[in-house]
Protein backbone atom coordinates (compact mmCIF):
# COMPACT_ATOMS: atom_id res chain seq x y z
CA MET A 1 35.99 30.37 -25.91
CA THR A 2 38.94 28.57 -24.28
CA GLU A 3 41.88 27.98 -26.60
CA LEU A 4 41.78 24.55 -28.22
CA SER A 5 45.45 24.04 -27.46
CA GLU A 6 44.56 23.43 -23.81
CA HIS A 7 43.59 19.85 -24.61
CA PRO A 8 45.01 17.63 -27.37
CA LEU A 9 41.66 15.93 -28.05
CA ALA A 10 39.73 19.15 -28.60
CA THR A 11 38.22 19.85 -32.02
CA SER A 12 36.70 23.22 -32.90
CA ALA A 13 32.91 23.41 -32.85
CA THR A 14 33.03 24.95 -36.34
CA GLU A 15 34.73 21.82 -37.63
CA LEU A 16 32.14 19.64 -35.89
CA VAL A 17 29.33 21.50 -37.66
CA ALA A 18 31.02 20.75 -40.99
CA ARG A 19 31.41 17.09 -40.04
CA ALA A 20 27.74 16.90 -39.02
CA ARG A 21 26.68 18.25 -42.40
CA THR A 22 28.75 15.60 -44.15
CA ILE A 23 27.35 12.81 -41.96
CA GLY A 24 23.78 14.05 -42.47
CA SER A 25 24.04 14.20 -46.25
CA THR A 26 25.81 10.84 -46.60
CA ILE A 27 25.61 8.15 -43.92
CA ALA A 28 22.46 9.36 -42.16
CA SER A 29 20.46 9.90 -45.34
CA GLN A 30 21.60 6.59 -46.83
CA CYS A 31 20.60 4.56 -43.77
CA ALA A 32 17.45 6.46 -42.75
CA GLY A 33 15.05 4.39 -44.87
CA ASP A 34 16.20 1.07 -43.45
CA VAL A 35 16.31 2.47 -39.90
CA ASP A 36 12.70 3.57 -40.32
CA ARG A 37 11.44 0.34 -41.93
CA ALA A 38 13.14 -1.94 -39.42
CA GLY A 39 12.59 0.33 -36.41
CA ARG A 40 16.23 -0.22 -35.56
CA PHE A 41 18.89 1.85 -33.86
CA PRO A 42 20.90 3.90 -36.42
CA VAL A 43 24.19 2.20 -35.61
CA GLU A 44 25.97 3.54 -38.69
CA THR A 45 25.14 7.18 -38.06
CA VAL A 46 25.85 7.03 -34.33
CA ALA A 47 29.20 5.37 -35.06
CA ALA A 48 29.99 8.16 -37.53
CA MET A 49 29.03 10.79 -34.96
CA ARG A 50 31.30 9.10 -32.43
CA ASP A 51 34.20 8.96 -34.88
CA ALA A 52 33.67 12.63 -35.72
CA GLY A 53 33.70 13.68 -32.06
CA LEU A 54 30.12 14.99 -32.07
CA LEU A 55 29.26 13.34 -28.74
CA SER A 56 31.68 15.63 -26.90
CA ALA A 57 30.65 18.80 -28.74
CA LEU A 58 29.23 20.33 -25.55
CA VAL A 59 32.00 19.14 -23.24
CA PRO A 60 34.26 22.07 -22.28
CA VAL A 61 37.55 22.35 -24.15
CA GLU A 62 39.62 21.81 -21.01
CA HIS A 63 37.97 18.38 -20.68
CA GLY A 64 38.69 17.39 -24.28
CA GLY A 65 35.45 18.54 -25.87
CA SER A 66 34.66 21.39 -28.23
CA GLY A 67 32.79 23.73 -25.90
CA ALA A 68 30.08 24.25 -28.51
CA ASN A 69 27.49 26.95 -27.93
CA MET A 70 23.77 26.56 -28.54
CA ARG A 71 23.86 27.93 -32.08
CA GLU A 72 26.54 25.41 -33.03
CA LEU A 73 24.61 22.55 -31.46
CA VAL A 74 21.49 23.67 -33.36
CA ALA A 75 23.45 23.56 -36.61
CA MET A 76 24.71 20.04 -35.88
CA CYS A 77 21.32 18.61 -34.92
CA SER A 78 19.57 20.25 -37.87
CA ALA A 79 22.19 18.94 -40.30
CA ILE A 80 21.88 15.35 -39.05
CA ALA A 81 18.05 15.61 -39.09
CA GLN A 82 18.06 16.47 -42.78
CA GLY A 83 19.39 12.96 -43.31
CA CYS A 84 17.78 11.02 -40.45
CA ALA A 85 15.52 12.56 -37.80
CA SER A 86 15.90 9.62 -35.41
CA SER A 87 19.69 9.98 -35.43
CA ALA A 88 19.41 13.72 -34.85
CA MET A 89 16.98 13.26 -31.97
CA ILE A 90 19.41 10.83 -30.35
CA LEU A 91 22.18 13.43 -30.70
CA ALA A 92 19.94 16.18 -29.30
CA MET A 93 18.87 14.07 -26.31
CA HIS A 94 22.49 13.17 -25.62
CA HIS A 95 23.49 16.86 -25.64
CA ILE A 96 20.67 17.64 -23.19
CA GLN A 97 22.09 15.17 -20.66
CA VAL A 98 25.65 16.40 -21.13
CA ALA A 99 24.44 19.99 -20.62
CA CYS A 100 22.99 19.07 -17.23
CA LEU A 101 26.32 17.63 -16.11
CA VAL A 102 28.44 20.44 -17.54
CA ARG A 103 26.28 23.18 -16.06
CA HIS A 104 25.38 21.61 -12.69
CA ALA A 105 28.06 19.08 -11.70
CA ARG A 106 31.29 20.09 -13.37
CA HIS A 107 32.66 21.63 -10.16
CA GLU A 108 32.73 18.18 -8.53
CA ALA A 109 35.97 16.26 -9.17
CA ASN A 110 34.28 12.95 -10.05
CA PHE A 111 31.97 14.59 -12.56
CA ALA A 112 34.87 16.57 -14.03
CA SER A 113 36.67 13.27 -14.61
CA TYR A 114 33.52 11.87 -16.15
CA LEU A 115 33.46 14.72 -18.67
CA ASP A 116 37.02 13.77 -19.60
CA GLU A 117 35.77 10.24 -20.17
CA ILE A 118 32.89 11.40 -22.41
CA ALA A 119 35.40 13.17 -24.63
CA GLU A 120 37.95 10.38 -24.67
CA ARG A 121 35.53 7.49 -25.20
CA GLN A 122 32.69 9.40 -26.91
CA LEU A 123 30.19 8.00 -24.42
CA LEU A 124 26.51 8.15 -25.39
CA LEU A 125 24.17 9.35 -22.61
CA ALA A 126 20.44 8.68 -22.42
CA SER A 127 17.90 9.77 -19.84
CA ILE A 128 15.03 8.36 -17.83
CA THR A 129 12.63 11.16 -16.92
CA SER A 130 9.36 9.35 -17.64
CA GLU A 131 7.77 7.12 -15.02
CA VAL A 132 4.69 5.03 -14.53
CA GLY A 133 2.29 6.91 -12.25
CA THR A 134 3.29 10.52 -13.04
CA ASN A 135 1.02 11.01 -16.07
CA GLY A 136 3.86 12.39 -18.15
CA ASP A 137 4.93 15.06 -15.65
CA THR A 138 8.74 15.09 -15.68
CA ARG A 139 8.79 17.38 -12.65
CA SER A 140 7.31 14.66 -10.48
CA SER A 141 8.77 11.32 -9.42
CA VAL A 142 7.47 8.22 -7.69
CA CYS A 143 10.81 6.48 -7.18
CA ALA A 144 13.41 7.71 -4.69
CA VAL A 145 17.17 7.25 -4.42
CA GLU A 146 18.44 5.52 -1.31
CA ARG A 147 21.87 6.28 0.19
CA SER A 148 23.88 3.92 2.38
CA ASP A 149 27.62 3.75 3.14
CA SER A 150 28.64 6.05 0.27
CA ARG A 151 26.50 4.07 -2.16
CA TYR A 152 23.16 4.70 -3.83
CA ALA A 153 20.36 2.33 -4.84
CA LEU A 154 17.63 3.26 -7.30
CA SER A 155 14.78 1.49 -9.04
CA LYS A 156 12.46 3.10 -11.59
CA GLN A 157 9.71 1.90 -13.92
CA ALA A 158 9.86 4.11 -17.01
CA THR A 159 7.24 4.50 -19.73
CA THR A 160 9.89 5.28 -22.38
CA VAL A 161 13.68 5.16 -22.45
CA SER A 162 14.99 6.47 -25.75
CA TYR A 163 17.91 4.40 -27.07
CA GLY A 164 18.42 3.10 -23.53
CA GLU A 165 19.68 -0.30 -24.63
CA HIS A 166 22.31 1.38 -26.80
CA ALA A 167 23.48 4.10 -24.40
CA ASP A 168 26.63 3.82 -22.33
CA ASP A 169 25.15 5.56 -19.29
CA LEU A 170 21.86 7.05 -18.05
CA LEU A 171 20.85 10.25 -16.28
CA VAL A 172 17.80 9.47 -14.15
CA THR A 173 15.32 11.65 -12.25
CA CYS A 174 14.00 10.55 -8.86
CA ARG A 175 12.95 11.87 -5.46
CA ARG A 176 15.80 13.09 -3.27
CA ASP A 177 15.00 10.41 -0.66
CA SER A 178 12.09 8.26 0.43
CA ASP A 179 10.65 11.07 2.60
CA ALA A 180 10.81 13.75 -0.10
CA PRO A 181 7.69 14.98 -1.90
CA ALA A 182 7.22 14.07 -5.55
CA SER A 183 8.56 17.42 -6.75
CA ASP A 184 11.78 17.34 -4.71
CA GLN A 185 13.93 15.61 -7.30
CA VAL A 186 17.57 14.98 -8.08
CA LEU A 187 19.46 13.56 -11.05
CA VAL A 188 21.53 10.40 -10.74
CA LEU A 189 24.23 9.36 -13.20
CA CYS A 190 23.72 5.61 -13.57
CA ARG A 191 26.72 4.01 -15.24
CA GLY A 192 25.99 1.15 -17.58
CA ARG A 193 28.11 -1.24 -15.56
CA ASP A 194 26.04 -0.44 -12.45
CA THR A 195 22.64 -0.64 -14.11
CA LYS A 196 20.19 -3.28 -15.29
CA LEU A 197 17.40 -2.59 -17.79
CA GLU A 198 14.47 -4.97 -18.13
CA ARG A 199 12.31 -4.24 -21.15
CA THR A 200 8.59 -4.19 -20.32
CA GLY A 201 7.13 -3.34 -23.73
CA ASP A 202 7.86 -2.59 -27.39
CA TRP A 203 8.50 0.46 -29.58
CA ASN A 204 6.42 0.05 -32.73
CA THR A 205 5.50 3.62 -33.61
CA LEU A 206 4.35 5.74 -36.52
CA GLY A 207 7.56 7.76 -36.67
CA MET A 208 10.89 8.38 -34.93
CA ARG A 209 11.25 4.63 -35.03
CA GLY A 210 15.04 4.65 -34.85
CA THR A 211 15.05 6.25 -31.39
CA CYS A 212 14.11 2.81 -30.01
CA SER A 213 12.21 4.05 -26.94
CA PRO A 214 10.33 1.18 -25.29
CA PRO A 215 9.41 1.09 -21.58
CA PHE A 216 11.89 -0.40 -19.11
CA ARG A 217 12.23 -1.30 -15.48
CA MET A 218 15.59 0.01 -14.33
CA THR A 219 17.62 -0.91 -11.26
CA SER A 220 20.99 0.63 -10.43
CA ARG A 221 23.50 0.63 -7.61
CA GLY A 222 26.62 2.76 -7.59
CA PRO A 223 28.75 5.32 -5.76
CA ALA A 224 26.86 8.13 -4.03
CA TRP A 225 28.95 10.80 -5.78
CA ALA A 226 26.91 9.98 -8.91
CA ILE A 227 23.96 11.90 -7.43
CA VAL A 228 24.16 15.28 -9.15
CA PRO A 229 24.53 18.13 -6.63
CA GLY A 230 21.63 20.51 -6.19
CA SER A 231 18.02 20.10 -7.22
CA PHE A 232 16.55 18.87 -10.47
CA ALA A 233 14.23 21.88 -10.34
CA ASP A 234 17.20 24.14 -11.08
CA ALA A 235 18.74 21.74 -13.59
CA SER A 236 15.39 21.48 -15.36
CA ALA A 237 14.69 25.22 -15.62
CA GLN A 238 18.27 26.28 -16.35
CA SER A 239 19.42 23.45 -18.60
CA MET A 240 17.11 20.56 -19.43
CA VAL A 241 14.13 22.64 -20.61
CA PRO A 242 16.06 25.20 -22.69
CA TYR A 243 18.33 22.61 -24.29
CA SER A 244 15.35 20.32 -24.93
CA HIS A 245 13.07 22.88 -26.54
CA ILE A 246 15.82 24.51 -28.60
CA LEU A 247 17.55 21.33 -29.78
CA TRP A 248 14.28 19.49 -30.43
CA SER A 249 13.26 22.49 -32.51
CA ALA A 250 16.56 22.17 -34.39
CA VAL A 251 15.72 18.55 -35.21
CA TRP A 252 12.26 19.54 -36.43
CA LEU A 253 13.80 22.34 -38.46
CA GLY A 254 16.02 19.76 -40.13
CA ILE A 255 12.99 17.64 -41.02
CA ALA A 256 11.22 20.69 -42.46
CA THR A 257 14.33 21.73 -44.39
CA ASP A 258 14.63 18.29 -45.96
CA ALA A 259 10.96 18.22 -46.97
CA ALA A 260 11.22 21.73 -48.44
CA ALA A 261 14.32 20.73 -50.38
CA ARG A 262 12.44 17.78 -51.91
CA ALA A 263 9.58 20.06 -52.89
CA SER A 264 12.03 22.52 -54.43
CA ALA A 265 13.78 19.77 -56.38
CA TYR A 266 10.43 18.57 -57.69
CA VAL A 267 9.38 22.04 -58.88
CA ARG A 268 12.75 22.59 -60.56
CA ALA A 269 12.43 19.25 -62.33
CA GLU A 270 8.98 20.27 -63.56
CA ALA A 271 10.40 23.56 -64.81
CA ARG A 272 13.09 21.73 -66.79
CA ARG A 273 10.45 19.57 -68.39
CA LYS A 274 8.66 22.67 -69.72
CA PRO A 275 11.26 25.37 -70.45
CA GLY A 276 9.98 28.93 -70.46
CA THR A 277 7.05 28.23 -68.11
CA VAL A 278 6.59 28.61 -64.38
CA PRO A 279 5.18 25.41 -62.85
CA PRO A 280 1.81 25.89 -61.12
CA MET A 281 3.29 24.73 -57.80
CA ALA A 282 6.03 27.38 -57.81
CA THR A 283 3.81 29.85 -55.96
CA ARG A 284 3.13 27.32 -53.23
CA LEU A 285 6.87 26.69 -53.03
CA ALA A 286 7.39 30.42 -52.47
CA GLU A 287 4.86 30.34 -49.64
CA LEU A 288 6.62 27.33 -48.12
CA SER A 289 9.92 29.23 -48.30
CA VAL A 290 8.46 32.07 -46.24
CA GLU A 291 7.30 29.69 -43.53
CA LEU A 292 10.61 27.84 -43.46
CA GLN A 293 12.55 31.10 -43.13
CA THR A 294 10.33 32.18 -40.25
CA PHE A 295 10.87 28.82 -38.56
CA ARG A 296 14.64 29.05 -39.01
CA GLN A 297 14.80 32.60 -37.70
CA ASN A 298 12.72 31.73 -34.64
CA VAL A 299 15.07 28.92 -33.63
CA SER A 300 18.19 30.94 -34.46
CA SER A 301 17.01 33.96 -32.49
CA ILE A 302 16.31 32.06 -29.29
CA ALA A 303 19.56 30.08 -29.58
CA ALA A 304 21.50 33.34 -29.96
CA ASP A 305 19.74 34.92 -26.99
CA PHE A 306 20.45 31.84 -24.89
CA ASP A 307 24.14 32.07 -25.78
CA ALA A 308 24.10 35.76 -24.91
CA LEU A 309 23.15 34.86 -21.34
CA GLY A 310 26.55 33.25 -20.87
CA GLY A 311 26.87 32.11 -17.28
CA GLU A 312 23.82 34.10 -16.14
CA ARG A 313 21.35 31.30 -15.45
CA GLU A 314 19.03 33.01 -13.01
CA ALA A 315 17.01 34.58 -15.83
CA LEU A 316 16.09 31.08 -17.00
CA ASN A 317 14.18 30.57 -13.75
CA GLY A 318 11.91 33.47 -14.64
CA MET A 319 8.50 33.40 -16.26
CA SER A 320 9.57 35.32 -19.38
CA TRP A 321 12.07 32.70 -20.45
CA ALA A 322 9.75 29.85 -19.46
CA LEU A 323 7.01 31.28 -21.67
CA ARG A 324 9.40 31.97 -24.53
CA LEU A 325 10.79 28.44 -24.50
CA ASN A 326 7.32 26.93 -24.27
CA ASN A 327 6.18 29.09 -27.17
CA LEU A 328 9.17 27.94 -29.21
CA LYS A 329 8.25 24.33 -28.64
CA ILE A 330 4.63 24.93 -29.66
CA ALA A 331 5.57 27.00 -32.71
CA SER A 332 8.26 24.58 -33.90
CA SER A 333 6.19 21.43 -33.46
CA THR A 334 3.37 23.10 -35.38
CA ALA A 335 5.58 24.52 -38.11
CA VAL A 336 7.30 21.24 -38.94
CA THR A 337 4.06 19.38 -39.63
CA ASP A 338 2.67 22.30 -41.61
CA ILE A 339 5.79 22.61 -43.78
CA VAL A 340 6.00 18.88 -44.49
CA HIS A 341 2.29 18.89 -45.37
CA ARG A 342 2.80 21.84 -47.71
CA ALA A 343 5.72 20.01 -49.33
CA LEU A 344 3.51 16.98 -49.86
CA GLN A 345 0.84 19.12 -51.53
CA ILE A 346 3.46 20.61 -53.85
CA ILE A 347 4.96 17.27 -54.85
CA GLY A 348 1.69 15.36 -55.02
CA ILE A 349 1.60 11.63 -55.59
CA ASN A 350 5.39 11.40 -55.93
CA GLY A 351 5.68 12.72 -52.40
CA TYR A 352 2.99 10.37 -51.14
CA ARG A 353 4.66 7.29 -52.58
CA ASN A 354 7.46 5.69 -50.59
CA ASP A 355 9.48 4.63 -53.65
CA THR A 356 10.40 7.97 -55.24
CA ALA A 357 13.21 10.46 -54.69
CA TYR A 358 10.61 13.02 -53.64
CA SER A 359 8.90 10.92 -50.95
CA VAL A 360 8.16 12.75 -47.70
CA GLY A 361 6.35 9.91 -45.94
CA ARG A 362 9.06 9.30 -43.36
CA GLN A 363 9.47 13.02 -42.76
CA TYR A 364 5.72 13.39 -42.25
CA ARG A 365 5.53 10.56 -39.74
CA ASP A 366 8.58 11.75 -37.84
CA ALA A 367 7.17 15.29 -37.70
CA LEU A 368 3.94 14.10 -36.10
CA SER A 369 5.85 13.12 -32.95
CA ALA A 370 6.76 16.76 -32.27
CA SER A 371 3.49 17.78 -30.64
CA LEU A 372 3.58 14.68 -28.41
CA MET A 373 7.09 15.09 -26.97
CA VAL A 374 5.87 16.78 -23.81
CA SER A 375 2.29 17.27 -24.93
CA ASN A 376 1.47 20.61 -26.49
CA ASP A 377 -1.74 20.63 -24.47
CA ARG A 378 0.26 20.40 -21.24
CA ILE A 379 2.58 23.21 -22.37
CA LEU A 380 -0.31 25.43 -23.45
CA ALA A 381 -1.98 24.94 -20.09
CA ARG A 382 1.25 26.00 -18.39
CA GLY A 383 1.51 28.99 -20.74
CA ALA A 384 -2.04 30.05 -19.92
CA SER A 385 -1.18 30.12 -16.21
CA LEU A 386 1.95 32.18 -16.84
CA LEU A 387 0.11 34.72 -18.96
CA LEU A 388 -2.35 35.38 -16.14
CA VAL A 389 0.43 36.76 -13.95
CA LEU A 390 3.18 37.81 -16.39
CA LYS A 391 3.31 41.54 -17.05
CA ASP A 392 4.16 42.85 -20.53
CA ASP A 393 7.74 44.00 -20.98
């Protein structure tokens, strides 16, 4: 890692992990209930993450960030999720956008300056990858960017834009030009000052309510340098997909960890009530611990292997990594709901009620979103196709 002394604003990633744990256990956990009930943006937690420098965790040290690796980002997102899953998902989605810029546009002077700005101002980035008419396929676009006199123009009708109204800037997928096929896509950095969002619906959901992700019609005009060099196909395979599946899994791991901790606290309280006896639910708690450890190891292993790749991105274009990342997403989104359900069974009515210290209602509802964030059915269908041609290692 580059020496931190190269930039006065840089904070070590290790320190950011510690700060994330503090924010998760204090501000995020204290505000999560109201964020969920009101379906509001978690302003307090995001402000704390900004103040702590978490929004530039992935920005290289020479640009004022912390140059965090995947394992460190996983630790941050998981820690915040133990307090508030919506806040953690916002942080994860932000990191995904920053990763695309760091890994695919940093060599361009304007984007390098923009990374400096992220670190200095702690800018929050959101994305628009969904679109009316694509049936949820992020690797297909209807809209196209238009170039004229060193300027771009772009209009997109999105089905969801997570925290779009609260983000500073947006990273948007679109066709390379009006003649390009749906799959020939690029990313465009749409600055807030150059962009207009018109809300076209509401966000009244079962869980993840604080992500505030209603549909919008977006229009933007800005400098042509804001079109990210290269293709979105490469950015997707080499950055967006791995960072999405690993960091989303980290968020779901945080939800599962919180639910397991509540179940553990409940069993310990029962044990104190009857000294010298083992509560009947202790065995189920032991089973839950096994599943949680497996979940944690799965995420940790893939994050470590991703870090081990270093600058070698070509492997991420291959079928082996595609299948592994897809399997992680399926396994993690399944594990989180199973673990929260097991925790509920251990705690019983006190976990079912919303007014006890052991309640896991919010965690349960948030966990149910996991299988829908890029539908598991779509991913399994893709996995089935890969397995037909992928040879065993």
